[in-house]
Amino acid sequence: MTIVFIENVLGSCQVIQVLEDFGDYVVEHKLQPGDSARIAASRFKSIIVNEAQSAVAASLPFRRPEARREARRAVAARA
């Protein structure tokens, strides 16, 4: 099994948003400065790492079938 380690360094002033996209639903993790996460990599999901923006992060609907499309639209709109 492959584990991905993501760390938001303590000196950072940004919140990091990690999305685990399983196709049918999305699981969100927010990492504050100094936090870290270990996420198991799998061919059955995508892992997306972004800088969290409160307006976008608050509006993302999770655990619904259409969450994948909406999460991708929100990420594309910020790019």
C-alpha atoms as a PDB file:
ATOM      1  CA  MET A   1       0.000   0.000   0.000  1.00  0.00           C
ATOM      2  CA  THR A   2       1.236   3.505  -0.806  1.00  0.00           C
ATOM      3  CA  ILE A   3       0.768   6.253   1.767  1.00  0.00           C
ATOM      4  CA  VAL A   4       0.913   9.941   0.819  1.00  0.00           C
ATOM      5  CA  PHE A   5       2.162  12.235   3.585  1.00  0.00           C
ATOM      6  CA  ILE A   6       0.946  15.854   3.370  1.00  0.00           C
ATOM      7  CA  GLU A   7       2.169  18.456   5.846  1.00  0.00           C
ATOM      8  CA  ASN A   8       1.232  22.105   6.232  1.00  0.00           C
ATOM      9  CA  VAL A   9       4.362  23.625   7.796  1.00  0.00           C
ATOM     10  CA  LEU A  10       4.002  25.483  11.054  1.00  0.00           C
ATOM     11  CA  GLY A  11       5.180  28.834   9.635  1.00  0.00           C
ATOM     12  CA  SER A  12       2.553  28.800   6.892  1.00  0.00           C
ATOM     13  CA  CYS A  13      -0.386  31.171   7.171  1.00  0.00           C
ATOM     14  CA  GLN A  14      -2.507  29.159   4.720  1.00  0.00           C
ATOM     15  CA  VAL A  15      -5.021  26.391   5.333  1.00  0.00           C
ATOM     16  CA  ILE A  16      -4.562  23.409   3.027  1.00  0.00           C
ATOM     17  CA  GLN A  17      -7.594  21.557   1.660  1.00  0.00           C
ATOM     18  CA  VAL A  18      -7.177  17.894   0.751  1.00  0.00           C
ATOM     19  CA  LEU A  19      -9.971  16.234  -1.238  1.00  0.00           C
ATOM     20  CA  GLU A  20     -10.221  12.462  -1.598  1.00  0.00           C
ATOM     21  CA  ASP A  21     -12.449  11.865  -4.622  1.00  0.00           C
ATOM     22  CA  PHE A  22     -13.908   8.339  -4.725  1.00  0.00           C
ATOM     23  CA  GLY A  23     -16.125   8.982  -7.740  1.00  0.00           C
ATOM     24  CA  ASP A  24     -19.444   8.763  -5.870  1.00  0.00           C
ATOM     25  CA  TYR A  25     -18.468  11.043  -2.989  1.00  0.00           C
ATOM     26  CA  VAL A  26     -15.690  13.337  -1.824  1.00  0.00           C
ATOM     27  CA  VAL A  27     -14.040  13.421   1.608  1.00  0.00           C
ATOM     28  CA  GLU A  28     -12.520  16.739   2.678  1.00  0.00           C
ATOM     29  CA  HIS A  29      -9.644  17.321   5.101  1.00  0.00           C
ATOM     30  CA  LYS A  30      -8.477  20.794   6.146  1.00  0.00           C
ATOM     31  CA  LEU A  31      -4.935  21.103   7.435  1.00  0.00           C
ATOM     32  CA  GLN A  32      -4.159  24.076   9.654  1.00  0.00           C
ATOM     33  CA  PRO A  33      -0.528  25.272   9.907  1.00  0.00           C
ATOM     34  CA  GLY A  34       1.442  22.566  11.708  1.00  0.00           C
ATOM     35  CA  ASP A  35      -1.019  19.782  10.817  1.00  0.00           C
ATOM     36  CA  SER A  36      -0.251  16.746   8.692  1.00  0.00           C
ATOM     37  CA  ALA A  37      -2.198  13.897   7.111  1.00  0.00           C
ATOM     38  CA  ARG A  38      -1.390  10.404   5.898  1.00  0.00           C
ATOM     39  CA  ILE A  39      -3.659   9.312   3.071  1.00  0.00           C
ATOM     40  CA  ALA A  40      -3.661   5.871   1.478  1.00  0.00           C
ATOM     41  CA  ALA A  41      -3.260   6.085  -2.292  1.00  0.00           C
ATOM     42  CA  SER A  42      -5.454   3.903  -4.435  1.00  0.00           C
ATOM     43  CA  ARG A  43      -6.306   3.526  -8.096  1.00  0.00           C
ATOM     44  CA  PHE A  44      -9.972   3.897  -7.087  1.00  0.00           C
ATOM     45  CA  LYS A  45      -9.696   7.518  -5.927  1.00  0.00           C
ATOM     46  CA  SER A  46      -8.090  10.854  -6.754  1.00  0.00           C
ATOM     47  CA  ILE A  47      -6.313  13.085  -4.279  1.00  0.00           C
ATOM     48  CA  ILE A  48      -6.542  16.849  -4.812  1.00  0.00           C
ATOM     49  CA  VAL A  49      -4.514  19.300  -2.694  1.00  0.00           C
ATOM     50  CA  ASN A  50      -5.384  23.021  -2.742  1.00  0.00           C
ATOM     51  CA  GLU A  51      -5.078  26.150  -0.707  1.00  0.00           C
ATOM     52  CA  ALA A  52      -8.436  26.378   1.095  1.00  0.00           C
ATOM     53  CA  GLN A  53     -10.509  29.448   0.372  1.00  0.00           C
ATOM     54  CA  SER A  54     -13.376  29.903   2.776  1.00  0.00           C
ATOM     55  CA  ALA A  55     -16.034  30.916   0.212  1.00  0.00           C
ATOM     56  CA  VAL A  56     -15.312  27.963  -2.083  1.00  0.00           C
ATOM     57  CA  ALA A  57     -14.665  25.438   0.675  1.00  0.00           C
ATOM     58  CA  ALA A  58     -17.871  26.314   2.486  1.00  0.00           C
ATOM     59  CA  SER A  59     -19.968  25.937  -0.658  1.00  0.00           C
ATOM     60  CA  LEU A  60     -18.686  22.503  -1.720  1.00  0.00           C
ATOM     61  CA  PRO A  61     -21.334  19.807  -1.150  1.00  0.00           C
ATOM     62  CA  PHE A  62     -19.815  16.536  -0.006  1.00  0.00           C
ATOM     63  CA  ARG A  63     -21.082  12.969   0.112  1.00  0.00           C
ATOM     64  CA  ARG A  64     -23.545  13.418  -2.752  1.00  0.00           C
ATOM     65  CA  PRO A  65     -23.280  11.798  -6.193  1.00  0.00           C
ATOM     66  CA  GLU A  66     -22.819  15.151  -7.955  1.00  0.00           C
ATOM     67  CA  ALA A  67     -20.101  16.260  -5.489  1.00  0.00           C
ATOM     68  CA  ARG A  68     -17.332  15.125  -7.840  1.00  0.00           C
ATOM     69  CA  ARG A  69     -18.446  17.400 -10.674  1.00  0.00           C
ATOM     70  CA  GLU A  70     -19.059  20.344  -8.358  1.00  0.00           C
ATOM     71  CA  ALA A  71     -15.682  19.937  -6.643  1.00  0.00           C
ATOM     72  CA  ARG A  72     -13.890  19.847  -9.994  1.00  0.00           C
ATOM     73  CA  ARG A  73     -15.789  22.944 -11.209  1.00  0.00           C
ATOM     74  CA  ALA A  74     -14.824  24.847  -8.062  1.00  0.00           C
ATOM     75  CA  VAL A  75     -11.165  23.868  -8.460  1.00  0.00           C
ATOM     76  CA  ALA A  76     -11.185  24.825 -12.167  1.00  0.00           C
ATOM     77  CA  ALA A  77     -12.837  28.178 -11.403  1.00  0.00           C
ATOM     78  CA  ARG A  78     -10.011  29.122  -9.043  1.00  0.00           C
ATOM     79  CA  ALA A  79      -7.297  28.190 -11.556  1.00  0.00           C
END
